[in-house]
Amino acid sequence: MRFPALRSRSRALLAVVALGGLSLGTGAATWVRTTVATALSPEVTVTASGTQAAPGLGAGGLVLLAAGVALTLGGRVARYLVLAVVAAAGVLVAASAVAVLADPVPAATAAAAGAAGVTDLTSPVVVTPWPWASVVVGVLTVVVAALGAAGAGRWSAPSGRHERAGDTAPAVSAQASGPAYAPAAPDAPTTAAAADRTVEPAGELDAHDAWDALTRGDDPTTR
């Protein structure tokens, strides 16, 4: 079975980061609500957010964001390790929400103690829909990790392009710069040969000029 949605690293990255943001978003909402009585007021409303009621939720969301960054850097082995961490974070998010749904009283009592300084609740604990949303996010995170592991073998290496570019750069540079001096053509004359050919042979001595030189007492062969 093929999973085209997560056949690329970028899609898996976006999915993991989005789920991490959703985990933190659902954790920021109010999860439980109740009332307590204090010395100043007979009824004080107490609420607790998801991260207060289930500290593991915030930790799971931060792990997902960090895992999204790690997916951009890891190689073939590291990507599977990161996806395993993503799955574990999804389990943590879902389990934290399920724990609050199963028994919201401890979370409400802790919130009352922190807000009003009392632990005796005067009304039943009301659970909002947000814990259910966190359960869905946690389950989706595990599914995304599984789909990512199924398609991770087709992901491209994060630094493969840079390595190939680095390998070809010296060759391209050498071709662009060229040799410092162009080699001489095979049929190009050497300096000595060229000099020899530039010396023109002396022409034959003219008889009239030779006679004039003799009459002046000069040696005609030295001309």
N, C-alpha and C. Protein backbone atom coordinates (compact mmCIF):
# COMPACT_ATOMS: atom_id res chain seq x y z
N MET A 1 0.84 -1.20 0.00
CA MET A 1 0.00 0.00 0.00
C MET A 1 0.87 1.24 0.00
N ARG A 2 0.55 2.20 -0.82
CA ARG A 2 1.35 3.41 -0.94
C ARG A 2 0.68 4.55 -0.19
N PHE A 3 1.50 5.42 0.36
CA PHE A 3 1.00 6.54 1.15
C PHE A 3 1.58 7.83 0.55
N PRO A 4 0.95 8.35 -0.50
CA PRO A 4 1.53 9.50 -1.18
C PRO A 4 1.60 10.74 -0.32
N ALA A 5 0.76 10.84 0.71
CA ALA A 5 0.75 12.06 1.52
C ALA A 5 2.06 12.24 2.28
N LEU A 6 2.76 11.13 2.61
CA LEU A 6 3.98 11.24 3.40
C LEU A 6 5.17 10.62 2.68
N ARG A 7 5.17 10.66 1.36
CA ARG A 7 6.31 10.16 0.61
C ARG A 7 7.43 11.18 0.54
N SER A 8 7.19 12.39 0.99
CA SER A 8 8.22 13.41 1.01
C SER A 8 8.48 13.86 2.44
N ARG A 9 9.71 14.25 2.68
CA ARG A 9 10.10 14.70 4.02
C ARG A 9 9.35 15.97 4.41
N SER A 10 9.12 16.87 3.46
CA SER A 10 8.47 18.14 3.79
C SER A 10 7.04 17.94 4.28
N ARG A 11 6.32 16.99 3.68
CA ARG A 11 4.95 16.74 4.12
C ARG A 11 4.92 16.16 5.52
N ALA A 12 5.82 15.25 5.80
CA ALA A 12 5.89 14.69 7.15
C ALA A 12 6.25 15.77 8.16
N LEU A 13 7.17 16.65 7.77
CA LEU A 13 7.55 17.75 8.65
C LEU A 13 6.36 18.64 8.97
N LEU A 14 5.61 19.03 7.95
CA LEU A 14 4.45 19.89 8.17
C LEU A 14 3.41 19.21 9.04
N ALA A 15 3.19 17.92 8.81
CA ALA A 15 2.20 17.20 9.61
C ALA A 15 2.61 17.13 11.07
N VAL A 16 3.87 16.84 11.34
CA VAL A 16 4.34 16.72 12.73
C VAL A 16 4.29 18.07 13.44
N VAL A 17 4.74 19.12 12.76
CA VAL A 17 4.71 20.45 13.37
C VAL A 17 3.28 20.90 13.62
N ALA A 18 2.38 20.62 12.66
CA ALA A 18 0.98 21.00 12.84
C ALA A 18 0.36 20.27 14.03
N LEU A 19 0.66 19.00 14.18
CA LEU A 19 0.12 18.24 15.31
C LEU A 19 0.71 18.74 16.63
N GLY A 20 1.97 19.13 16.61
CA GLY A 20 2.55 19.71 17.82
C GLY A 20 1.87 21.00 18.20
N GLY A 21 1.58 21.84 17.20
CA GLY A 21 0.84 23.07 17.48
C GLY A 21 -0.56 22.82 17.99
N LEU A 22 -1.23 21.81 17.41
CA LEU A 22 -2.58 21.46 17.87
C LEU A 22 -2.55 20.93 19.30
N SER A 23 -1.54 20.18 19.64
CA SER A 23 -1.43 19.67 21.01
C SER A 23 -1.30 20.81 22.01
N LEU A 24 -0.44 21.76 21.69
CA LEU A 24 -0.29 22.91 22.58
C LEU A 24 -1.54 23.78 22.58
N GLY A 25 -2.21 23.88 21.42
CA GLY A 25 -3.43 24.68 21.35
C GLY A 25 -4.55 24.10 22.18
N THR A 26 -4.76 22.80 22.07
CA THR A 26 -5.81 22.18 22.88
C THR A 26 -5.44 22.20 24.36
N GLY A 27 -4.15 22.17 24.64
CA GLY A 27 -3.73 22.23 26.04
C GLY A 27 -3.90 23.60 26.66
N ALA A 28 -3.95 24.64 25.85
CA ALA A 28 -4.14 25.99 26.39
C ALA A 28 -5.59 26.27 26.73
N ALA A 29 -6.52 25.49 26.20
CA ALA A 29 -7.95 25.70 26.48
C ALA A 29 -8.32 25.15 27.86
N THR A 30 -9.50 25.53 28.33
CA THR A 30 -9.99 25.05 29.63
C THR A 30 -10.49 23.62 29.51
N TRP A 31 -10.02 22.76 30.40
CA TRP A 31 -10.42 21.36 30.38
C TRP A 31 -11.46 21.03 31.45
N VAL A 32 -11.24 21.52 32.64
CA VAL A 32 -12.15 21.20 33.75
C VAL A 32 -12.58 22.49 34.44
N ARG A 33 -13.78 22.41 35.01
CA ARG A 33 -14.34 23.58 35.70
C ARG A 33 -15.11 23.09 36.94
N THR A 34 -14.95 23.81 38.04
CA THR A 34 -15.66 23.47 39.28
C THR A 34 -15.73 24.71 40.16
N THR A 35 -16.27 24.56 41.35
CA THR A 35 -16.37 25.68 42.29
C THR A 35 -15.89 25.23 43.67
N VAL A 36 -15.43 26.22 44.43
CA VAL A 36 -15.01 26.00 45.81
C VAL A 36 -15.53 27.15 46.66
N ALA A 37 -15.52 26.95 47.97
CA ALA A 37 -15.93 27.99 48.92
C ALA A 37 -14.70 28.47 49.68
N THR A 38 -14.59 29.80 49.78
CA THR A 38 -13.49 30.40 50.52
C THR A 38 -14.04 31.28 51.63
N ALA A 39 -13.15 31.84 52.42
CA ALA A 39 -13.58 32.71 53.50
C ALA A 39 -14.17 34.00 52.97
N LEU A 40 -13.82 34.39 51.78
CA LEU A 40 -14.32 35.65 51.21
C LEU A 40 -15.56 35.45 50.36
N SER A 41 -15.73 34.27 49.79
CA SER A 41 -16.87 34.04 48.91
C SER A 41 -17.33 32.59 49.05
N PRO A 42 -18.65 32.38 49.10
CA PRO A 42 -19.13 31.00 49.22
C PRO A 42 -19.01 30.19 47.93
N GLU A 43 -18.78 30.86 46.84
CA GLU A 43 -18.67 30.14 45.56
C GLU A 43 -17.66 30.83 44.67
N VAL A 44 -16.58 30.15 44.43
CA VAL A 44 -15.51 30.65 43.56
C VAL A 44 -15.31 29.64 42.44
N THR A 45 -15.41 30.12 41.21
CA THR A 45 -15.22 29.23 40.06
C THR A 45 -13.73 28.97 39.84
N VAL A 46 -13.42 27.73 39.67
CA VAL A 46 -12.03 27.32 39.44
C VAL A 46 -11.97 26.56 38.12
N THR A 47 -11.01 26.93 37.30
CA THR A 47 -10.81 26.25 36.01
C THR A 47 -9.36 25.78 35.90
N ALA A 48 -9.17 24.81 35.06
CA ALA A 48 -7.82 24.30 34.80
C ALA A 48 -7.67 24.06 33.31
N SER A 49 -6.57 24.53 32.77
CA SER A 49 -6.29 24.30 31.35
C SER A 49 -5.76 22.89 31.15
N GLY A 50 -5.59 22.54 29.89
CA GLY A 50 -5.10 21.20 29.59
C GLY A 50 -3.70 20.96 30.10
N THR A 51 -2.81 21.94 29.95
CA THR A 51 -1.44 21.76 30.43
C THR A 51 -1.38 21.71 31.95
N GLN A 52 -2.35 22.36 32.63
CA GLN A 52 -2.41 22.27 34.09
C GLN A 52 -2.99 20.93 34.53
N ALA A 53 -4.02 20.49 33.86
CA ALA A 53 -4.65 19.23 34.24
C ALA A 53 -3.82 18.02 33.82
N ALA A 54 -3.10 18.15 32.71
CA ALA A 54 -2.29 17.03 32.19
C ALA A 54 -0.95 17.58 31.73
N PRO A 55 0.03 17.68 32.63
CA PRO A 55 1.34 18.23 32.25
C PRO A 55 2.00 17.49 31.09
N GLY A 56 1.71 16.21 30.94
CA GLY A 56 2.30 15.46 29.83
C GLY A 56 1.87 15.96 28.47
N LEU A 57 0.74 16.66 28.43
CA LEU A 57 0.25 17.18 27.15
C LEU A 57 1.19 18.25 26.60
N GLY A 58 1.59 19.19 27.45
CA GLY A 58 2.51 20.23 27.00
C GLY A 58 3.86 19.66 26.61
N ALA A 59 4.33 18.67 27.38
CA ALA A 59 5.61 18.04 27.05
C ALA A 59 5.53 17.34 25.69
N GLY A 60 4.41 16.66 25.45
CA GLY A 60 4.26 15.98 24.16
C GLY A 60 4.22 16.95 23.00
N GLY A 61 3.55 18.09 23.17
CA GLY A 61 3.51 19.09 22.11
C GLY A 61 4.87 19.66 21.80
N LEU A 62 5.67 19.94 22.83
CA LEU A 62 7.02 20.47 22.61
C LEU A 62 7.91 19.43 21.94
N VAL A 63 7.75 18.18 22.31
CA VAL A 63 8.53 17.12 21.67
C VAL A 63 8.20 17.03 20.19
N LEU A 64 6.94 17.19 19.84
CA LEU A 64 6.55 17.13 18.43
C LEU A 64 7.16 18.28 17.64
N LEU A 65 7.19 19.47 18.21
CA LEU A 65 7.81 20.60 17.51
C LEU A 65 9.30 20.36 17.31
N ALA A 66 9.96 19.85 18.35
CA ALA A 66 11.38 19.55 18.21
C ALA A 66 11.63 18.43 17.21
N ALA A 67 10.74 17.44 17.19
CA ALA A 67 10.89 16.34 16.23
C ALA A 67 10.72 16.83 14.80
N GLY A 68 9.85 17.81 14.59
CA GLY A 68 9.69 18.37 13.26
C GLY A 68 10.98 18.98 12.75
N VAL A 69 11.70 19.68 13.64
CA VAL A 69 13.00 20.25 13.25
C VAL A 69 14.01 19.13 12.99
N ALA A 70 13.99 18.10 13.83
CA ALA A 70 14.94 17.00 13.68
C ALA A 70 14.73 16.25 12.37
N LEU A 71 13.50 16.22 11.87
CA LEU A 71 13.24 15.51 10.61
C LEU A 71 13.96 16.17 9.44
N THR A 72 14.23 17.46 9.53
CA THR A 72 14.91 18.15 8.43
C THR A 72 16.41 17.88 8.42
N LEU A 73 16.94 17.32 9.50
CA LEU A 73 18.39 17.16 9.62
C LEU A 73 18.84 15.70 9.62
N GLY A 74 17.95 14.80 9.99
CA GLY A 74 18.35 13.41 10.16
C GLY A 74 18.57 12.67 8.86
N GLY A 75 19.45 11.67 8.92
CA GLY A 75 19.66 10.79 7.78
C GLY A 75 18.68 9.64 7.77
N ARG A 76 19.06 8.56 7.08
CA ARG A 76 18.14 7.44 6.91
C ARG A 76 17.80 6.78 8.24
N VAL A 77 18.80 6.55 9.09
CA VAL A 77 18.54 5.90 10.38
C VAL A 77 17.87 6.87 11.34
N ALA A 78 18.35 8.11 11.35
CA ALA A 78 17.82 9.09 12.30
C ALA A 78 16.35 9.38 12.06
N ARG A 79 15.91 9.34 10.80
CA ARG A 79 14.51 9.66 10.52
C ARG A 79 13.57 8.65 11.17
N TYR A 80 13.98 7.39 11.20
CA TYR A 80 13.13 6.38 11.86
C TYR A 80 13.13 6.56 13.38
N LEU A 81 14.26 6.95 13.93
CA LEU A 81 14.31 7.22 15.36
C LEU A 81 13.42 8.41 15.72
N VAL A 82 13.47 9.44 14.90
CA VAL A 82 12.63 10.62 15.15
C VAL A 82 11.15 10.25 15.04
N LEU A 83 10.80 9.46 14.05
CA LEU A 83 9.40 9.05 13.89
C LEU A 83 8.94 8.19 15.07
N ALA A 84 9.85 7.40 15.63
CA ALA A 84 9.49 6.64 16.84
C ALA A 84 9.22 7.58 18.01
N VAL A 85 10.02 8.65 18.11
CA VAL A 85 9.78 9.65 19.15
C VAL A 85 8.44 10.35 18.91
N VAL A 86 8.12 10.62 17.65
CA VAL A 86 6.83 11.24 17.32
C VAL A 86 5.69 10.35 17.78
N ALA A 87 5.79 9.06 17.50
CA ALA A 87 4.74 8.14 17.93
C ALA A 87 4.61 8.11 19.45
N ALA A 88 5.76 8.12 20.14
CA ALA A 88 5.72 8.12 21.61
C ALA A 88 5.08 9.40 22.14
N ALA A 89 5.38 10.54 21.49
CA ALA A 89 4.76 11.80 21.91
C ALA A 89 3.25 11.76 21.69
N GLY A 90 2.82 11.16 20.58
CA GLY A 90 1.38 11.03 20.34
C GLY A 90 0.70 10.18 21.40
N VAL A 91 1.37 9.10 21.80
CA VAL A 91 0.81 8.26 22.87
C VAL A 91 0.73 9.04 24.17
N LEU A 92 1.76 9.85 24.46
CA LEU A 92 1.75 10.65 25.68
C LEU A 92 0.61 11.66 25.68
N VAL A 93 0.39 12.32 24.55
CA VAL A 93 -0.69 13.30 24.45
C VAL A 93 -2.04 12.63 24.66
N ALA A 94 -2.26 11.52 23.97
CA ALA A 94 -3.55 10.83 24.10
C ALA A 94 -3.75 10.26 25.49
N ALA A 95 -2.70 9.66 26.06
CA ALA A 95 -2.83 9.06 27.39
C ALA A 95 -3.08 10.13 28.45
N SER A 96 -2.45 11.29 28.31
CA SER A 96 -2.66 12.36 29.29
C SER A 96 -4.11 12.83 29.26
N ALA A 97 -4.67 12.95 28.06
CA ALA A 97 -6.06 13.38 27.95
C ALA A 97 -7.01 12.31 28.47
N VAL A 98 -6.73 11.05 28.18
CA VAL A 98 -7.59 9.97 28.65
C VAL A 98 -7.58 9.90 30.17
N ALA A 99 -6.44 10.17 30.79
CA ALA A 99 -6.36 10.14 32.25
C ALA A 99 -7.26 11.19 32.88
N VAL A 100 -7.32 12.37 32.28
CA VAL A 100 -8.20 13.42 32.81
C VAL A 100 -9.66 13.06 32.57
N LEU A 101 -9.96 12.50 31.42
CA LEU A 101 -11.34 12.10 31.15
C LEU A 101 -11.79 11.00 32.11
N ALA A 102 -10.88 10.10 32.43
CA ALA A 102 -11.25 9.00 33.32
C ALA A 102 -11.49 9.47 34.75
N ASP A 103 -10.71 10.45 35.21
CA ASP A 103 -10.87 10.95 36.58
C ASP A 103 -10.44 12.42 36.62
N PRO A 104 -11.37 13.36 36.40
CA PRO A 104 -11.01 14.78 36.38
C PRO A 104 -10.88 15.40 37.77
N VAL A 105 -11.28 14.70 38.82
CA VAL A 105 -11.28 15.30 40.16
C VAL A 105 -9.87 15.68 40.63
N PRO A 106 -8.87 14.83 40.49
CA PRO A 106 -7.53 15.25 40.93
C PRO A 106 -7.04 16.52 40.24
N ALA A 107 -7.30 16.65 38.95
CA ALA A 107 -6.89 17.86 38.24
C ALA A 107 -7.64 19.08 38.76
N ALA A 108 -8.95 18.94 39.02
CA ALA A 108 -9.73 20.05 39.55
C ALA A 108 -9.30 20.41 40.96
N THR A 109 -9.00 19.42 41.77
CA THR A 109 -8.57 19.68 43.15
C THR A 109 -7.23 20.41 43.16
N ALA A 110 -6.31 19.99 42.31
CA ALA A 110 -5.02 20.68 42.23
C ALA A 110 -5.18 22.11 41.77
N ALA A 111 -6.09 22.34 40.82
CA ALA A 111 -6.34 23.70 40.36
C ALA A 111 -6.96 24.55 41.46
N ALA A 112 -7.88 23.98 42.25
CA ALA A 112 -8.51 24.71 43.35
C ALA A 112 -7.49 25.07 44.42
N ALA A 113 -6.59 24.15 44.71
CA ALA A 113 -5.57 24.43 45.71
C ALA A 113 -4.64 25.55 45.25
N GLY A 114 -4.33 25.57 43.96
CA GLY A 114 -3.46 26.61 43.47
C GLY A 114 -4.12 27.96 43.34
N ALA A 115 -5.41 27.97 43.02
CA ALA A 115 -6.11 29.24 42.79
C ALA A 115 -6.72 29.83 44.05
N ALA A 116 -7.32 28.98 44.90
CA ALA A 116 -8.05 29.49 46.07
C ALA A 116 -7.47 29.02 47.39
N GLY A 117 -6.55 28.11 47.35
CA GLY A 117 -5.95 27.63 48.59
C GLY A 117 -6.79 26.62 49.33
N VAL A 118 -7.82 26.08 48.72
CA VAL A 118 -8.67 25.06 49.34
C VAL A 118 -8.77 23.86 48.41
N THR A 119 -9.12 22.73 48.99
CA THR A 119 -9.23 21.51 48.19
C THR A 119 -10.62 20.88 48.24
N ASP A 120 -11.53 21.49 48.97
CA ASP A 120 -12.90 20.96 49.05
C ASP A 120 -13.74 21.54 47.92
N LEU A 121 -14.16 20.71 47.01
CA LEU A 121 -14.97 21.16 45.88
C LEU A 121 -16.43 21.23 46.30
N THR A 122 -17.10 22.28 45.86
CA THR A 122 -18.52 22.46 46.23
C THR A 122 -19.46 22.13 45.09
N SER A 123 -18.96 21.72 43.96
CA SER A 123 -19.82 21.34 42.83
C SER A 123 -19.12 20.26 42.03
N PRO A 124 -19.88 19.51 41.26
CA PRO A 124 -19.25 18.47 40.42
C PRO A 124 -18.29 19.09 39.41
N VAL A 125 -17.32 18.31 39.03
CA VAL A 125 -16.32 18.77 38.05
C VAL A 125 -16.91 18.62 36.66
N VAL A 126 -16.86 19.72 35.91
CA VAL A 126 -17.34 19.73 34.53
C VAL A 126 -16.14 19.60 33.59
N VAL A 127 -16.22 18.65 32.69
CA VAL A 127 -15.15 18.43 31.72
C VAL A 127 -15.59 18.98 30.37
N THR A 128 -14.77 19.83 29.78
CA THR A 128 -15.08 20.42 28.48
C THR A 128 -14.71 19.43 27.36
N PRO A 129 -15.07 19.72 26.13
CA PRO A 129 -14.72 18.81 25.01
C PRO A 129 -13.25 18.80 24.64
N TRP A 130 -12.46 19.72 25.16
CA TRP A 130 -11.07 19.82 24.72
C TRP A 130 -10.23 18.58 25.01
N PRO A 131 -10.43 17.88 26.13
CA PRO A 131 -9.65 16.64 26.29
C PRO A 131 -9.89 15.63 25.18
N TRP A 132 -11.13 15.55 24.69
CA TRP A 132 -11.42 14.66 23.57
C TRP A 132 -10.66 15.09 22.31
N ALA A 133 -10.57 16.40 22.12
CA ALA A 133 -9.80 16.89 20.97
C ALA A 133 -8.33 16.49 21.09
N SER A 134 -7.80 16.52 22.30
CA SER A 134 -6.41 16.10 22.50
C SER A 134 -6.22 14.62 22.24
N VAL A 135 -7.23 13.83 22.60
CA VAL A 135 -7.15 12.39 22.30
C VAL A 135 -7.06 12.18 20.79
N VAL A 136 -7.87 12.92 20.05
CA VAL A 136 -7.85 12.80 18.58
C VAL A 136 -6.49 13.22 18.04
N VAL A 137 -5.94 14.31 18.57
CA VAL A 137 -4.62 14.76 18.12
C VAL A 137 -3.56 13.70 18.41
N GLY A 138 -3.62 13.11 19.58
CA GLY A 138 -2.64 12.07 19.92
C GLY A 138 -2.74 10.87 19.00
N VAL A 139 -3.95 10.43 18.70
CA VAL A 139 -4.14 9.29 17.80
C VAL A 139 -3.65 9.63 16.40
N LEU A 140 -3.97 10.83 15.93
CA LEU A 140 -3.50 11.25 14.60
C LEU A 140 -1.97 11.31 14.55
N THR A 141 -1.37 11.70 15.65
CA THR A 141 0.09 11.75 15.69
C THR A 141 0.70 10.37 15.51
N VAL A 142 0.12 9.38 16.17
CA VAL A 142 0.62 8.01 16.01
C VAL A 142 0.43 7.54 14.57
N VAL A 143 -0.71 7.88 13.98
CA VAL A 143 -0.96 7.49 12.58
C VAL A 143 0.04 8.15 11.65
N VAL A 144 0.30 9.44 11.86
CA VAL A 144 1.26 10.15 11.02
C VAL A 144 2.65 9.54 11.16
N ALA A 145 3.03 9.17 12.37
CA ALA A 145 4.33 8.53 12.57
C ALA A 145 4.41 7.21 11.81
N ALA A 146 3.33 6.44 11.82
CA ALA A 146 3.32 5.17 11.09
C ALA A 146 3.39 5.40 9.58
N LEU A 147 2.62 6.37 9.08
CA LEU A 147 2.66 6.67 7.64
C LEU A 147 4.03 7.21 7.24
N GLY A 148 4.61 8.02 8.10
CA GLY A 148 5.95 8.53 7.81
C GLY A 148 6.98 7.43 7.75
N ALA A 149 6.90 6.47 8.67
CA ALA A 149 7.84 5.35 8.65
C ALA A 149 7.67 4.50 7.40
N ALA A 150 6.42 4.38 6.92
CA ALA A 150 6.17 3.60 5.71
C ALA A 150 6.74 4.28 4.47
N GLY A 151 6.78 5.61 4.46
CA GLY A 151 7.28 6.32 3.29
C GLY A 151 8.66 6.90 3.45
N ALA A 152 9.29 6.74 4.63
CA ALA A 152 10.59 7.37 4.88
C ALA A 152 11.69 6.82 3.99
N GLY A 153 11.54 5.59 3.51
CA GLY A 153 12.57 5.04 2.64
C GLY A 153 12.70 5.76 1.31
N ARG A 154 11.69 6.51 0.92
CA ARG A 154 11.72 7.25 -0.35
C ARG A 154 12.06 8.72 -0.16
N TRP A 155 12.34 9.10 1.08
CA TRP A 155 12.72 10.50 1.30
C TRP A 155 14.12 10.74 0.76
N SER A 156 14.34 11.93 0.26
CA SER A 156 15.67 12.28 -0.21
C SER A 156 16.55 12.65 0.96
N ALA A 157 17.85 12.47 0.78
CA ALA A 157 18.80 12.83 1.84
C ALA A 157 18.79 14.34 2.03
N PRO A 158 18.90 14.84 3.27
CA PRO A 158 18.81 16.28 3.50
C PRO A 158 19.96 17.07 2.91
N SER A 159 21.19 16.47 2.82
CA SER A 159 22.34 17.22 2.34
C SER A 159 22.92 16.64 1.06
N GLY A 160 22.18 15.76 0.37
CA GLY A 160 22.72 15.14 -0.83
C GLY A 160 23.01 16.14 -1.93
N ARG A 161 22.11 17.10 -2.12
CA ARG A 161 22.32 18.09 -3.19
C ARG A 161 23.56 18.91 -2.92
N HIS A 162 23.78 19.28 -1.63
CA HIS A 162 24.94 20.10 -1.32
C HIS A 162 26.23 19.33 -1.52
N GLU A 163 26.20 18.02 -1.18
CA GLU A 163 27.41 17.25 -1.37
C GLU A 163 27.74 17.09 -2.85
N ARG A 164 26.75 16.83 -3.68
CA ARG A 164 27.01 16.70 -5.11
C ARG A 164 27.49 18.01 -5.71
N ALA A 165 26.90 19.11 -5.25
CA ALA A 165 27.34 20.41 -5.76
C ALA A 165 28.78 20.68 -5.37
N GLY A 166 29.17 20.28 -4.15
CA GLY A 166 30.54 20.49 -3.70
C GLY A 166 31.53 19.66 -4.48
N ASP A 167 31.10 18.42 -4.88
CA ASP A 167 32.01 17.57 -5.63
C ASP A 167 32.26 18.11 -7.03
N THR A 168 31.28 18.70 -7.66
CA THR A 168 31.43 19.16 -9.04
C THR A 168 31.98 20.56 -9.12
N ALA A 169 32.01 21.28 -8.01
CA ALA A 169 32.45 22.66 -8.05
C ALA A 169 33.90 22.80 -8.49
N PRO A 170 34.87 21.96 -7.95
CA PRO A 170 36.25 22.13 -8.39
C PRO A 170 36.41 21.89 -9.88
N ALA A 171 35.70 20.89 -10.43
CA ALA A 171 35.84 20.62 -11.86
C ALA A 171 35.34 21.79 -12.68
N VAL A 172 34.20 22.35 -12.27
CA VAL A 172 33.66 23.49 -13.00
C VAL A 172 34.60 24.67 -12.90
N SER A 173 35.20 24.86 -11.71
CA SER A 173 36.11 25.98 -11.53
C SER A 173 37.34 25.82 -12.39
N ALA A 174 37.83 24.57 -12.48
CA ALA A 174 39.01 24.33 -13.29
C ALA A 174 38.74 24.58 -14.76
N GLN A 175 37.54 24.18 -15.21
CA GLN A 175 37.20 24.41 -16.61
C GLN A 175 37.04 25.88 -16.90
N ALA A 176 36.47 26.61 -15.91
CA ALA A 176 36.24 28.03 -16.14
C ALA A 176 37.55 28.80 -16.17
N SER A 177 38.50 28.44 -15.23
CA SER A 177 39.74 29.20 -15.17
C SER A 177 40.67 28.88 -16.32
N GLY A 178 40.71 27.57 -16.73
CA GLY A 178 41.56 27.18 -17.84
C GLY A 178 43.02 27.16 -17.44
N PRO A 179 43.91 26.65 -18.27
CA PRO A 179 45.34 26.61 -17.95
C PRO A 179 45.94 28.00 -17.97
N ALA A 180 47.01 28.18 -17.19
CA ALA A 180 47.64 29.49 -17.11
C ALA A 180 48.27 29.88 -18.45
N TYR A 181 48.84 28.89 -19.15
CA TYR A 181 49.47 29.16 -20.44
C TYR A 181 48.99 28.11 -21.43
N ALA A 182 48.59 28.56 -22.61
CA ALA A 182 48.15 27.63 -23.64
C ALA A 182 49.38 26.92 -24.22
N PRO A 183 49.31 25.61 -24.42
CA PRO A 183 50.47 24.89 -24.99
C PRO A 183 50.72 25.33 -26.42
N ALA A 184 51.98 25.28 -26.78
CA ALA A 184 52.35 25.69 -28.14
C ALA A 184 51.85 24.68 -29.15
N ALA A 185 51.49 25.16 -30.32
CA ALA A 185 51.01 24.28 -31.38
C ALA A 185 52.14 23.37 -31.82
N PRO A 186 51.80 22.15 -32.23
CA PRO A 186 52.87 21.22 -32.62
C PRO A 186 53.75 21.77 -33.72
N ASP A 187 53.17 22.51 -34.67
CA ASP A 187 53.96 22.99 -35.79
C ASP A 187 54.51 24.38 -35.57
N ALA A 188 54.40 24.92 -34.35
CA ALA A 188 54.92 26.26 -34.10
C ALA A 188 56.44 26.19 -34.02
N PRO A 189 57.15 27.08 -34.63
CA PRO A 189 58.62 27.04 -34.62
C PRO A 189 59.16 27.44 -33.27
N THR A 190 60.29 26.86 -32.90
CA THR A 190 60.95 27.26 -31.67
C THR A 190 61.63 28.59 -31.90
N THR A 191 62.09 29.17 -30.76
CA THR A 191 62.71 30.51 -30.87
C THR A 191 63.99 30.45 -31.68
N ALA A 192 64.77 29.38 -31.43
CA ALA A 192 66.04 29.28 -32.16
C ALA A 192 65.81 29.05 -33.64
N ALA A 193 64.82 28.16 -33.95
CA ALA A 193 64.55 27.90 -35.36
C ALA A 193 64.04 29.14 -36.05
N ALA A 194 63.18 29.87 -35.34
CA ALA A 194 62.65 31.10 -35.94
C ALA A 194 63.76 32.10 -36.17
N ALA A 195 64.70 32.15 -35.22
CA ALA A 195 65.81 33.10 -35.39
C ALA A 195 66.67 32.72 -36.57
N ASP A 196 66.85 31.35 -36.73
CA ASP A 196 67.67 30.93 -37.86
C ASP A 196 67.04 31.30 -39.17
N ARG A 197 65.68 31.18 -39.21
CA ARG A 197 65.02 31.47 -40.47
C ARG A 197 64.95 32.97 -40.73
N THR A 198 65.11 33.79 -39.70
CA THR A 198 65.04 35.24 -39.92
C THR A 198 66.32 35.80 -40.50
N VAL A 199 67.43 35.00 -40.40
CA VAL A 199 68.70 35.47 -40.95
C VAL A 199 68.70 35.17 -42.45
N GLU A 200 68.64 36.19 -43.22
CA GLU A 200 68.61 36.03 -44.67
C GLU A 200 70.01 35.75 -45.18
N PRO A 201 70.19 34.79 -46.05
CA PRO A 201 71.52 34.52 -46.61
C PRO A 201 72.02 35.70 -47.44
N ALA A 202 73.33 35.93 -47.37
CA ALA A 202 73.90 37.07 -48.10
C ALA A 202 73.85 36.81 -49.61
N GLY A 203 73.50 37.81 -50.34
CA GLY A 203 73.44 37.66 -51.79
C GLY A 203 74.83 37.57 -52.44
N GLU A 204 74.91 37.19 -53.71
CA GLU A 204 76.20 37.08 -54.40
C GLU A 204 76.83 38.47 -54.57
N LEU A 205 78.17 38.53 -54.46
CA LEU A 205 78.89 39.80 -54.53
C LEU A 205 78.89 40.32 -55.97
N ASP A 206 78.50 41.55 -56.14
CA ASP A 206 78.45 42.16 -57.47
C ASP A 206 79.88 42.46 -57.93
N ALA A 207 80.19 42.17 -59.19
CA ALA A 207 81.56 42.35 -59.70
C ALA A 207 81.96 43.82 -59.72
N HIS A 208 81.05 44.69 -60.05
CA HIS A 208 81.36 46.13 -60.09
C HIS A 208 81.66 46.66 -58.70
N ASP A 209 80.87 46.23 -57.74
CA ASP A 209 81.12 46.68 -56.37
C ASP A 209 82.43 46.13 -55.84
N ALA A 210 82.76 44.87 -56.23
CA ALA A 210 84.02 44.30 -55.77
C ALA A 210 85.22 45.06 -56.34
N TRP A 211 85.15 45.46 -57.62
CA TRP A 211 86.24 46.22 -58.23
C TRP A 211 86.41 47.57 -57.57
N ASP A 212 85.31 48.23 -57.28
CA ASP A 212 85.39 49.53 -56.59
C ASP A 212 86.03 49.38 -55.22
N ALA A 213 85.70 48.30 -54.53
CA ALA A 213 86.27 48.09 -53.20
C ALA A 213 87.77 47.85 -53.29
N LEU A 214 88.21 47.09 -54.31
CA LEU A 214 89.63 46.83 -54.46
C LEU A 214 90.39 48.10 -54.77
N THR A 215 89.80 48.98 -55.62
CA THR A 215 90.48 50.23 -55.95
C THR A 215 90.62 51.12 -54.73
N ARG A 216 89.73 50.98 -53.77
CA ARG A 216 89.84 51.78 -52.54
C ARG A 216 90.72 51.12 -51.50
N GLY A 217 91.17 49.88 -51.82
CA GLY A 217 92.01 49.16 -50.86
C GLY A 217 91.22 48.38 -49.83
N ASP A 218 89.94 48.17 -50.08
CA ASP A 218 89.11 47.41 -49.13
C ASP A 218 88.99 45.96 -49.56
N ASP A 219 88.64 45.10 -48.58
CA ASP A 219 88.41 43.68 -48.87
C ASP A 219 86.93 43.51 -49.21
N PRO A 220 86.62 43.17 -50.44
CA PRO A 220 85.19 43.08 -50.83
C PRO A 220 84.45 41.93 -50.13
N THR A 221 85.18 40.94 -49.58
CA THR A 221 84.48 39.80 -48.95
C THR A 221 83.93 40.13 -47.57
N THR A 222 84.34 41.26 -47.03
CA THR A 222 83.85 41.62 -45.68
C THR A 222 82.53 42.36 -45.73
N ARG A 223 81.98 42.62 -46.86
CA ARG A 223 80.73 43.38 -46.96
C ARG A 223 79.58 42.47 -46.76
